[in-house]
C-alpha atoms as a PDB file:
ATOM      1  CA  MET A   1      11.576  62.009 -51.008  1.00  0.00           C
ATOM      2  CA  ARG A   2      10.051  64.857 -49.523  1.00  0.00           C
ATOM      3  CA  ARG A   3      12.762  66.897 -47.011  1.00  0.00           C
ATOM      4  CA  LEU A   4      12.109  68.900 -44.636  1.00  0.00           C
ATOM      5  CA  PRO A   5      13.874  71.099 -41.673  1.00  0.00           C
ATOM      6  CA  TRP A   6      14.757  68.744 -38.815  1.00  0.00           C
ATOM      7  CA  PHE A   7      13.221  71.427 -36.272  1.00  0.00           C
ATOM      8  CA  ILE A   8       9.865  70.194 -35.452  1.00  0.00           C
ATOM      9  CA  GLY A   9       7.402  72.267 -33.173  1.00  0.00           C
ATOM     10  CA  LEU A  10       3.892  72.094 -31.854  1.00  0.00           C
ATOM     11  CA  LEU A  11       1.236  74.061 -33.353  1.00  0.00           C
ATOM     12  CA  ALA A  12      -1.639  75.141 -30.763  1.00  0.00           C
ATOM     13  CA  LEU A  13      -4.712  73.575 -33.094  1.00  0.00           C
ATOM     14  CA  PRO A  14      -8.820  73.637 -31.850  1.00  0.00           C
ATOM     15  CA  GLY A  15      -9.553  70.423 -30.316  1.00  0.00           C
ATOM     16  CA  MET A  16      -5.975  69.582 -28.659  1.00  0.00           C
ATOM     17  CA  ALA A  17      -6.403  69.700 -24.986  1.00  0.00           C
ATOM     18  CA  ALA A  18      -3.478  68.153 -22.720  1.00  0.00           C
ATOM     19  CA  ALA A  19      -4.124  64.445 -21.226  1.00  0.00           C
ATOM     20  CA  ALA A  20      -2.577  61.325 -19.093  1.00  0.00           C
ATOM     21  CA  CYS A  21      -1.491  60.036 -22.120  1.00  0.00           C
ATOM     22  CA  GLY A  22      -1.262  62.446 -24.950  1.00  0.00           C
ATOM     23  CA  THR A  23      -3.895  64.517 -26.671  1.00  0.00           C
ATOM     24  CA  LEU A  24      -6.605  62.233 -28.130  1.00  0.00           C
ATOM     25  CA  VAL A  25      -7.036  63.835 -32.251  1.00  0.00           C
ATOM     26  CA  THR A  26     -10.580  62.549 -33.981  1.00  0.00           C
ATOM     27  CA  LEU A  27     -10.541  63.323 -37.815  1.00  0.00           C
ATOM     28  CA  ALA A  28     -13.511  63.312 -40.082  1.00  0.00           C
ATOM     29  CA  ALA A  29     -13.215  60.436 -42.371  1.00  0.00           C
ATOM     30  CA  ARG A  30     -14.986  58.471 -45.214  1.00  0.00           C
ATOM     31  CA  GLY A  31     -18.446  59.061 -45.023  1.00  0.00           C
ATOM     32  CA  GLY A  32     -19.255  60.628 -41.807  1.00  0.00           C
ATOM     33  CA  THR A  33     -16.593  57.732 -40.111  1.00  0.00           C
ATOM     34  CA  GLU A  34     -14.201  59.117 -37.969  1.00  0.00           C
ATOM     35  CA  VAL A  35     -10.546  57.933 -37.436  1.00  0.00           C
ATOM     36  CA  SER A  36      -9.035  58.407 -33.856  1.00  0.00           C
ATOM     37  CA  TYR A  37      -5.228  58.816 -32.805  1.00  0.00           C
ATOM     38  CA  ALA A  38      -3.146  59.562 -29.709  1.00  0.00           C
ATOM     39  CA  PHE A  39      -0.700  62.012 -29.922  1.00  0.00           C
ATOM     40  CA  ALA A  40       1.824  63.096 -27.482  1.00  0.00           C
ATOM     41  CA  PRO A  41       5.248  65.179 -28.051  1.00  0.00           C
ATOM     42  CA  ALA A  42       8.682  64.385 -27.034  1.00  0.00           C
ATOM     43  CA  PRO A  43       9.588  65.066 -23.145  1.00  0.00           C
ATOM     44  CA  ASP A  44      10.931  68.880 -22.020  1.00  0.00           C
ATOM     45  CA  GLY A  45      14.552  69.320 -22.945  1.00  0.00           C
ATOM     46  CA  VAL A  46      14.831  66.618 -25.381  1.00  0.00           C
ATOM     47  CA  ALA A  47      15.780  68.137 -28.943  1.00  0.00           C
ATOM     48  CA  ALA A  48      12.653  67.179 -31.601  1.00  0.00           C
ATOM     49  CA  ARG A  49      13.361  65.489 -34.633  1.00  0.00           C
ATOM     50  CA  GLY A  50      10.080  64.503 -36.044  1.00  0.00           C
ATOM     51  CA  ALA A  51       6.735  62.430 -35.599  1.00  0.00           C
ATOM     52  CA  VAL A  52       6.022  58.617 -36.390  1.00  0.00           C
ATOM     53  CA  VAL A  53       2.336  57.045 -36.999  1.00  0.00           C
ATOM     54  CA  LEU A  54       2.502  54.030 -34.891  1.00  0.00           C
ATOM     55  CA  LEU A  55       0.027  50.891 -36.312  1.00  0.00           C
ATOM     56  CA  ALA A  56      -0.043  48.244 -33.718  1.00  0.00           C
ATOM     57  CA  GLY A  57      -0.764  44.404 -35.051  1.00  0.00           C
ATOM     58  CA  GLY A  58      -3.494  42.476 -34.111  1.00  0.00           C
ATOM     59  CA  ASP A  59      -7.221  43.838 -35.147  1.00  0.00           C
ATOM     60  CA  GLY A  60      -5.497  47.151 -34.968  1.00  0.00           C
ATOM     61  CA  ARG A  61      -8.350  48.377 -32.241  1.00  0.00           C
ATOM     62  CA  LEU A  62      -6.398  50.141 -29.431  1.00  0.00           C
ATOM     63  CA  LYS A  63      -9.504  51.569 -27.754  1.00  0.00           C
ATOM     64  CA  LEU A  64      -8.312  54.611 -27.140  1.00  0.00           C
ATOM     65  CA  ASP A  65     -10.142  56.794 -24.101  1.00  0.00           C
ATOM     66  CA  ALA A  66     -10.633  60.433 -23.788  1.00  0.00           C
ATOM     67  CA  GLN A  67      -7.529  60.609 -22.028  1.00  0.00           C
ATOM     68  CA  GLY A  68      -6.124  59.337 -25.225  1.00  0.00           C
ATOM     69  CA  CYS A  69      -4.939  56.175 -23.837  1.00  0.00           C
ATOM     70  CA  ALA A  70      -4.998  52.551 -25.185  1.00  0.00           C
ATOM     71  CA  LYS A  71      -7.144  50.324 -23.249  1.00  0.00           C
ATOM     72  CA  ALA A  72      -6.521  47.353 -25.648  1.00  0.00           C
ATOM     73  CA  LEU A  73      -3.613  45.577 -27.519  1.00  0.00           C
ATOM     74  CA  GLY A  74      -1.347  47.097 -24.630  1.00  0.00           C
ATOM     75  CA  GLY A  75       1.012  44.248 -25.138  1.00  0.00           C
ATOM     76  CA  ASN A  76       1.959  45.284 -28.866  1.00  0.00           C
ATOM     77  CA  PHE A  77       5.784  46.668 -29.592  1.00  0.00           C
ATOM     78  CA  LEU A  78       4.511  50.027 -30.568  1.00  0.00           C
ATOM     79  CA  VAL A  79       2.020  50.467 -27.875  1.00  0.00           C
ATOM     80  CA  ARG A  80       4.565  49.035 -25.092  1.00  0.00           C
ATOM     81  CA  SER A  81       7.565  51.623 -26.875  1.00  0.00           C
ATOM     82  CA  ALA A  82       5.953  54.888 -27.843  1.00  0.00           C
ATOM     83  CA  GLY A  83       7.647  56.324 -25.082  1.00  0.00           C
ATOM     84  CA  LEU A  84      10.954  55.177 -26.489  1.00  0.00           C
ATOM     85  CA  PHE A  85      10.302  56.790 -29.662  1.00  0.00           C
ATOM     86  CA  ARG A  86       9.207  60.128 -27.638  1.00  0.00           C
ATOM     87  CA  GLU A  87      12.565  59.726 -25.470  1.00  0.00           C
ATOM     88  CA  ALA A  88      14.641  60.006 -28.888  1.00  0.00           C
ATOM     89  CA  GLY A  89      12.834  62.979 -29.872  1.00  0.00           C
ATOM     90  CA  TYR A  90       9.421  61.986 -31.869  1.00  0.00           C
ATOM     91  CA  LEU A  91       6.215  62.870 -31.399  1.00  0.00           C
ATOM     92  CA  THR A  92       4.256  59.747 -31.532  1.00  0.00           C
ATOM     93  CA  ALA A  93       0.343  59.247 -32.810  1.00  0.00           C
ATOM     94  CA  LEU A  94      -0.791  55.889 -32.383  1.00  0.00           C
ATOM     95  CA  VAL A  95      -3.698  55.420 -34.514  1.00  0.00           C
ATOM     96  CA  ASP A  96      -6.904  53.425 -33.244  1.00  0.00           C
ATOM     97  CA  ALA A  97      -9.234  51.138 -35.817  1.00  0.00           C
ATOM     98  CA  PRO A  98     -11.515  53.702 -37.798  1.00  0.00           C
ATOM     99  CA  SER A  99     -15.162  54.375 -36.248  1.00  0.00           C
ATOM    100  CA  ASP A 100     -16.462  51.566 -38.652  1.00  0.00           C
ATOM    101  CA  HIS A 101     -14.158  48.945 -37.694  1.00  0.00           C
ATOM    102  CA  GLN A 102     -14.610  48.883 -33.877  1.00  0.00           C
ATOM    103  CA  GLY A 103     -16.153  45.491 -34.130  1.00  0.00           C
ATOM    104  CA  VAL A 104     -14.935  42.122 -33.302  1.00  0.00           C
ATOM    105  CA  ASP A 105     -12.527  41.697 -35.978  1.00  0.00           C
ATOM    106  CA  GLY A 106     -11.572  45.167 -36.128  1.00  0.00           C
ATOM    107  CA  LEU A 107      -9.706  46.234 -39.432  1.00  0.00           C
ATOM    108  CA  ALA A 108      -9.868  42.692 -40.780  1.00  0.00           C
ATOM    109  CA  GLY A 109      -9.830  42.432 -44.128  1.00  0.00           C
ATOM    110  CA  PHE A 110     -10.044  46.434 -44.338  1.00  0.00           C
ATOM    111  CA  ARG A 111      -6.275  46.779 -43.842  1.00  0.00           C
ATOM    112  CA  ASN A 112      -5.234  46.550 -47.456  1.00  0.00           C
ATOM    113  CA  THR A 113      -7.958  48.563 -49.048  1.00  0.00           C
ATOM    114  CA  GLU A 114      -7.421  52.093 -50.651  1.00  0.00           C
ATOM    115  CA  ALA A 115     -10.091  53.223 -48.076  1.00  0.00           C
ATOM    116  CA  HIS A 116      -8.235  52.351 -45.633  1.00  0.00           C
ATOM    117  CA  GLY A 117      -4.625  54.348 -47.290  1.00  0.00           C
ATOM    118  CA  ILE A 118      -6.980  57.331 -47.156  1.00  0.00           C
ATOM    119  CA  ASP A 119      -7.828  57.437 -43.649  1.00  0.00           C
ATOM    120  CA  LEU A 120      -4.229  57.005 -42.759  1.00  0.00           C
ATOM    121  CA  GLY A 121      -3.365  59.732 -45.266  1.00  0.00           C
ATOM    122  CA  HIS A 122      -5.617  61.856 -43.318  1.00  0.00           C
ATOM    123  CA  VAL A 123      -3.665  61.249 -40.214  1.00  0.00           C
ATOM    124  CA  VAL A 124      -0.018  61.999 -41.696  1.00  0.00           C
ATOM    125  CA  ALA A 125      -1.751  65.235 -43.757  1.00  0.00           C
ATOM    126  CA  ASP A 126      -3.055  66.322 -40.257  1.00  0.00           C
ATOM    127  CA  LEU A 127       0.218  65.981 -38.069  1.00  0.00           C
ATOM    128  CA  ARG A 128       1.983  68.453 -41.062  1.00  0.00           C
ATOM    129  CA  ARG A 129      -0.187  70.510 -40.044  1.00  0.00           C
ATOM    130  CA  ARG A 130       0.941  70.345 -36.187  1.00  0.00           C
ATOM    131  CA  VAL A 131       4.528  69.666 -36.325  1.00  0.00           C
ATOM    132  CA  LYS A 132       7.684  70.883 -38.628  1.00  0.00           C
ATOM    133  CA  GLY A 133       9.660  67.894 -39.641  1.00  0.00           C
ATOM    134  CA  PRO A 134       9.593  64.656 -41.056  1.00  0.00           C
ATOM    135  CA  VAL A 135       6.543  62.291 -40.434  1.00  0.00           C
ATOM    136  CA  TRP A 136       7.438  58.661 -40.801  1.00  0.00           C
ATOM    137  CA  VAL A 137       4.886  55.396 -40.466  1.00  0.00           C
ATOM    138  CA  ILE A 138       5.660  52.297 -38.135  1.00  0.00           C
ATOM    139  CA  GLY A 139       3.765  49.277 -38.606  1.00  0.00           C
ATOM    140  CA  THR A 140       4.246  46.116 -36.502  1.00  0.00           C
ATOM    141  CA  SER A 141       3.205  42.484 -37.621  1.00  0.00           C
ATOM    142  CA  ARG A 142      -0.508  42.842 -39.007  1.00  0.00           C
ATOM    143  CA  GLY A 143      -0.009  46.652 -38.764  1.00  0.00           C
ATOM    144  CA  THR A 144       2.438  46.366 -41.522  1.00  0.00           C
ATOM    145  CA  ILE A 145      -0.298  45.885 -44.127  1.00  0.00           C
ATOM    146  CA  SER A 146      -1.635  49.225 -43.147  1.00  0.00           C
ATOM    147  CA  ALA A 147       1.856  50.870 -43.339  1.00  0.00           C
ATOM    148  CA  ALA A 148       2.813  49.485 -46.862  1.00  0.00           C
ATOM    149  CA  ASN A 149      -1.040  50.290 -47.938  1.00  0.00           C
ATOM    150  CA  LEU A 150      -0.295  53.744 -47.038  1.00  0.00           C
ATOM    151  CA  ALA A 151       2.838  54.409 -48.488  1.00  0.00           C
ATOM    152  CA  SER A 152       2.542  52.509 -51.782  1.00  0.00           C
ATOM    153  CA  ARG A 153      -0.789  54.705 -52.252  1.00  0.00           C
ATOM    154  CA  ALA A 154      -0.182  57.839 -50.380  1.00  0.00           C
ATOM    155  CA  THR A 155       1.031  61.293 -51.959  1.00  0.00           C
ATOM    156  CA  GLY A 156       1.819  64.811 -51.259  1.00  0.00           C
ATOM    157  CA  ASP A 157       0.967  65.935 -47.852  1.00  0.00           C
ATOM    158  CA  ALA A 158      -0.291  62.505 -47.356  1.00  0.00           C
ATOM    159  CA  ALA A 159       2.804  60.320 -47.976  1.00  0.00           C
ATOM    160  CA  PRO A 160       5.051  59.433 -45.205  1.00  0.00           C
ATOM    161  CA  ASP A 161       8.685  60.250 -45.469  1.00  0.00           C
ATOM    162  CA  GLY A 162       9.784  56.705 -44.608  1.00  0.00           C
ATOM    163  CA  VAL A 163       8.372  53.843 -43.781  1.00  0.00           C
ATOM    164  CA  VAL A 164       9.149  50.876 -41.225  1.00  0.00           C
ATOM    165  CA  LEU A 165       8.049  47.518 -41.876  1.00  0.00           C
ATOM    166  CA  SER A 166       8.664  45.572 -38.230  1.00  0.00           C
ATOM    167  CA  SER A 167       7.976  41.636 -37.916  1.00  0.00           C
ATOM    168  CA  ALA A 168       6.316  41.936 -41.028  1.00  0.00           C
ATOM    169  CA  LEU A 169       3.055  40.160 -41.996  1.00  0.00           C
ATOM    170  CA  MET A 170       4.810  37.940 -44.887  1.00  0.00           C
ATOM    171  CA  GLN A 171       2.555  34.961 -44.310  1.00  0.00           C
ATOM    172  CA  GLY A 172      -1.644  34.516 -44.756  1.00  0.00           C
ATOM    173  CA  THR A 173      -3.425  31.500 -43.350  1.00  0.00           C
ATOM    174  CA  SER A 174      -4.817  29.588 -46.340  1.00  0.00           C
ATOM    175  CA  GLY A 175      -8.517  27.836 -46.350  1.00  0.00           C
ATOM    176  CA  GLY A 176      -9.002  29.851 -43.249  1.00  0.00           C
ATOM    177  CA  GLN A 177     -12.929  30.925 -42.458  1.00  0.00           C
ATOM    178  CA  LYS A 178     -11.769  34.102 -42.477  1.00  0.00           C
ATOM    179  CA  THR A 179     -10.312  35.237 -45.928  1.00  0.00           C
ATOM    180  CA  TRP A 180      -8.771  38.265 -44.904  1.00  0.00           C
ATOM    181  CA  THR A 181      -6.037  36.192 -42.282  1.00  0.00           C
ATOM    182  CA  GLN A 182      -4.634  34.952 -45.880  1.00  0.00           C
ATOM    183  CA  GLN A 183      -3.581  39.299 -46.241  1.00  0.00           C
ATOM    184  CA  THR A 184       0.218  39.948 -46.037  1.00  0.00           C
ATOM    185  CA  VAL A 185       2.549  42.833 -47.311  1.00  0.00           C
ATOM    186  CA  PHE A 186       3.222  40.702 -50.344  1.00  0.00           C
ATOM    187  CA  ASP A 187      -0.328  42.151 -51.701  1.00  0.00           C
ATOM    188  CA  LEU A 188       0.434  45.474 -52.077  1.00  0.00           C
ATOM    189  CA  ALA A 189       2.054  47.826 -54.257  1.00  0.00           C
ATOM    190  CA  LEU A 190       5.531  47.500 -52.686  1.00  0.00           C
ATOM    191  CA  THR A 191       6.977  48.543 -56.221  1.00  0.00           C
ATOM    192  CA  ALA A 192       5.302  52.223 -55.894  1.00  0.00           C
ATOM    193  CA  ILE A 193       6.920  52.805 -52.440  1.00  0.00           C
ATOM    194  CA  LYS A 194       9.771  55.318 -53.052  1.00  0.00           C
ATOM    195  CA  VAL A 195      10.538  56.719 -49.677  1.00  0.00           C
ATOM    196  CA  PRO A 196      12.694  54.725 -47.402  1.00  0.00           C
ATOM    197  CA  VAL A 197      12.290  51.582 -46.165  1.00  0.00           C
ATOM    198  CA  LEU A 198      13.805  49.474 -42.719  1.00  0.00           C
ATOM    199  CA  VAL A 199      12.825  46.126 -42.739  1.00  0.00           C
ATOM    200  CA  ILE A 200      13.306  44.555 -39.091  1.00  0.00           C
ATOM    201  CA  GLY A 201      12.497  41.492 -37.372  1.00  0.00           C
ATOM    202  CA  HIS A 202      13.770  39.350 -34.513  1.00  0.00           C
ATOM    203  CA  VAL A 203      15.555  35.838 -35.450  1.00  0.00           C
ATOM    204  CA  HIS A 204      13.943  34.051 -33.100  1.00  0.00           C
ATOM    205  CA  ASP A 205      10.459  35.246 -33.969  1.00  0.00           C
ATOM    206  CA  GLN A 206       8.356  31.925 -34.432  1.00  0.00           C
ATOM    207  CA  CYS A 207       5.238  33.657 -35.299  1.00  0.00           C
ATOM    208  CA  LEU A 208       3.827  31.425 -38.195  1.00  0.00           C
ATOM    209  CA  ARG A 209       2.766  35.137 -39.980  1.00  0.00           C
ATOM    210  CA  SER A 210       6.529  36.648 -39.748  1.00  0.00           C
ATOM    211  CA  PRO A 211       9.097  33.558 -40.370  1.00  0.00           C
ATOM    212  CA  PRO A 212      12.319  35.998 -40.684  1.00  0.00           C
ATOM    213  CA  GLY A 213      13.720  33.816 -43.328  1.00  0.00           C
ATOM    214  CA  GLU A 214      11.171  35.941 -45.797  1.00  0.00           C
ATOM    215  CA  MET A 215      13.038  39.096 -44.671  1.00  0.00           C
ATOM    216  CA  PRO A 216      15.512  39.118 -47.734  1.00  0.00           C
ATOM    217  CA  ARG A 217      12.405  38.625 -49.987  1.00  0.00           C
ATOM    218  CA  LEU A 218      10.730  41.515 -49.036  1.00  0.00           C
ATOM    219  CA  LEU A 219      13.346  43.939 -48.949  1.00  0.00           C
ATOM    220  CA  ALA A 220      13.966  42.838 -52.260  1.00  0.00           C
ATOM    221  CA  GLN A 221      10.414  43.690 -53.673  1.00  0.00           C
ATOM    222  CA  PHE A 222      11.512  47.517 -53.248  1.00  0.00           C
ATOM    223  CA  GLY A 223      13.584  49.639 -56.072  1.00  0.00           C
ATOM    224  CA  SER A 224      16.996  49.762 -56.187  1.00  0.00           C
ATOM    225  CA  SER A 225      16.893  53.722 -55.981  1.00  0.00           C
ATOM    226  CA  VAL A 226      14.767  53.457 -52.943  1.00  0.00           C
ATOM    227  CA  ARG A 227      17.179  53.554 -49.445  1.00  0.00           C
ATOM    228  CA  LYS A 228      16.363  50.321 -47.627  1.00  0.00           C
ATOM    229  CA  GLN A 229      17.993  48.377 -45.389  1.00  0.00           C
ATOM    230  CA  MET A 230      17.032  45.271 -43.567  1.00  0.00           C
ATOM    231  CA  VAL A 231      18.067  44.606 -39.682  1.00  0.00           C
ATOM    232  CA  SER A 232      17.907  41.049 -37.963  1.00  0.00           C
ATOM    233  CA  VAL A 233      17.544  41.523 -34.208  1.00  0.00           C
ATOM    234  CA  GLU A 234      18.821  39.371 -31.236  1.00  0.00           C
ATOM    235  CA  GLY A 235      18.651  38.636 -27.619  1.00  0.00           C
ATOM    236  CA  GLY A 236      16.098  39.472 -25.647  1.00  0.00           C
ATOM    237  CA  THR A 237      13.547  36.327 -23.943  1.00  0.00           C
ATOM    238  CA  ALA A 238      14.738  33.297 -25.722  1.00  0.00           C
ATOM    239  CA  PRO A 239      11.751  31.719 -27.309  1.00  0.00           C
ATOM    240  CA  SER A 240      10.422  28.019 -26.758  1.00  0.00           C
ATOM    241  CA  GLY A 241       8.701  25.659 -28.793  1.00  0.00           C
ATOM    242  CA  PRO A 242       7.907  25.247 -32.388  1.00  0.00           C
ATOM    243  CA  ALA A 243       6.943  28.405 -34.511  1.00  0.00           C
ATOM    244  CA  ASN A 244       2.469  28.664 -33.674  1.00  0.00           C
ATOM    245  CA  PRO A 245      -0.082  31.165 -33.755  1.00  0.00           C
ATOM    246  CA  GLY A 246       0.454  32.023 -29.865  1.00  0.00           C
ATOM    247  CA  ALA A 247       3.918  33.185 -30.728  1.00  0.00           C
ATOM    248  CA  CYS A 248       2.619  36.244 -32.813  1.00  0.00           C
ATOM    249  CA  GLU A 249       1.832  37.858 -29.253  1.00  0.00           C
ATOM    250  CA  GLY A 250       3.411  41.545 -28.326  1.00  0.00           C
ATOM    251  CA  ARG A 251       5.680  40.172 -25.281  1.00  0.00           C
ATOM    252  CA  SER A 252       7.779  37.459 -27.026  1.00  0.00           C
ATOM    253  CA  PRO A 253      10.315  37.669 -29.692  1.00  0.00           C
ATOM    254  CA  HIS A 254       7.741  38.505 -32.276  1.00  0.00           C
ATOM    255  CA  GLY A 255       7.545  41.816 -30.419  1.00  0.00           C
ATOM    256  CA  TYR A 256      10.892  42.289 -29.129  1.00  0.00           C
ATOM    257  CA  VAL A 257      10.284  41.374 -25.858  1.00  0.00           C
ATOM    258  CA  GLY A 258      13.705  42.360 -23.611  1.00  0.00           C
ATOM    259  CA  GLN A 259      15.234  43.906 -26.588  1.00  0.00           C
ATOM    260  CA  GLU A 260      12.532  46.775 -26.937  1.00  0.00           C
ATOM    261  CA  ALA A 261      15.058  49.997 -26.089  1.00  0.00           C
ATOM    262  CA  ALA A 262      17.692  48.139 -28.815  1.00  0.00           C
ATOM    263  CA  THR A 263      15.350  47.892 -31.495  1.00  0.00           C
ATOM    264  CA  VAL A 264      13.692  51.400 -30.957  1.00  0.00           C
ATOM    265  CA  GLU A 265      17.300  52.430 -31.146  1.00  0.00           C
ATOM    266  CA  THR A 266      18.180  51.159 -34.406  1.00  0.00           C
ATOM    267  CA  ILE A 267      15.004  52.416 -36.038  1.00  0.00           C
ATOM    268  CA  VAL A 268      15.538  55.786 -35.030  1.00  0.00           C
ATOM    269  CA  LYS A 269      19.230  55.329 -36.351  1.00  0.00           C
ATOM    270  CA  PHE A 270      17.562  54.421 -39.788  1.00  0.00           C
ATOM    271  CA  MET A 271      15.664  57.550 -40.169  1.00  0.00           C
ATOM    272  CA  GLN A 272      17.948  59.806 -39.269  1.00  0.00           C
ATOM    273  CA  SER A 273      20.154  58.442 -41.542  1.00  0.00           C
ATOM    274  CA  ASN A 274      20.562  60.404 -45.167  1.00  0.00           C
END
């Protein structure tokens, strides 16, 4: 595992301008496409510890504006909780879908492709130019496919120092009109991931795509030499009704509603462990 000093500092690079929600950073990607992310530092007076790449679920389209503010997926756990990571000392990079996947389905079936892993690797490498410290990738819901994709493929400066799979997409849709809805984290080469892995989910998650009972099977995919942990979150807003697709919305146990601070604290504790 890459070991970097825990001191972190922001480098002033061209193209970075202060904005309301942070800084909108746009990188050149495949064949003239672009990938953008909103970069925001820890608050003044907070000791910085590292950086986190945050990968939202759903269609992945944050619709970042010029001020680095997300105009979509505002209910997503990671979008809602980005400030909590900054308060804990982690600079945040909220990643939008690339320029060629801004249509109705957003990332759709692109999440598990090599090209997507390369795009995300550009973000990690760019962060390493801007900061000193470990760079972790955190995905939630369908964003865990993206996170596992990156962690299983990237090498060198494009590789993260660790990965967090939150409410992992472990159950796909069979027989649907859109074949990409069958994708799960199990489609990726999980045994190729050699960095620390945290698998975290809510015991009352009723999303059909992220059954908490599948978390032990997911954890078992990672080798014995990998530092890994599974954490089950409890509490928050109580669920109602049977498991259903609507339970996959962010403001539910699937998105740790009412338990955001405790969940972020658990993730941060794992990232800081040796």
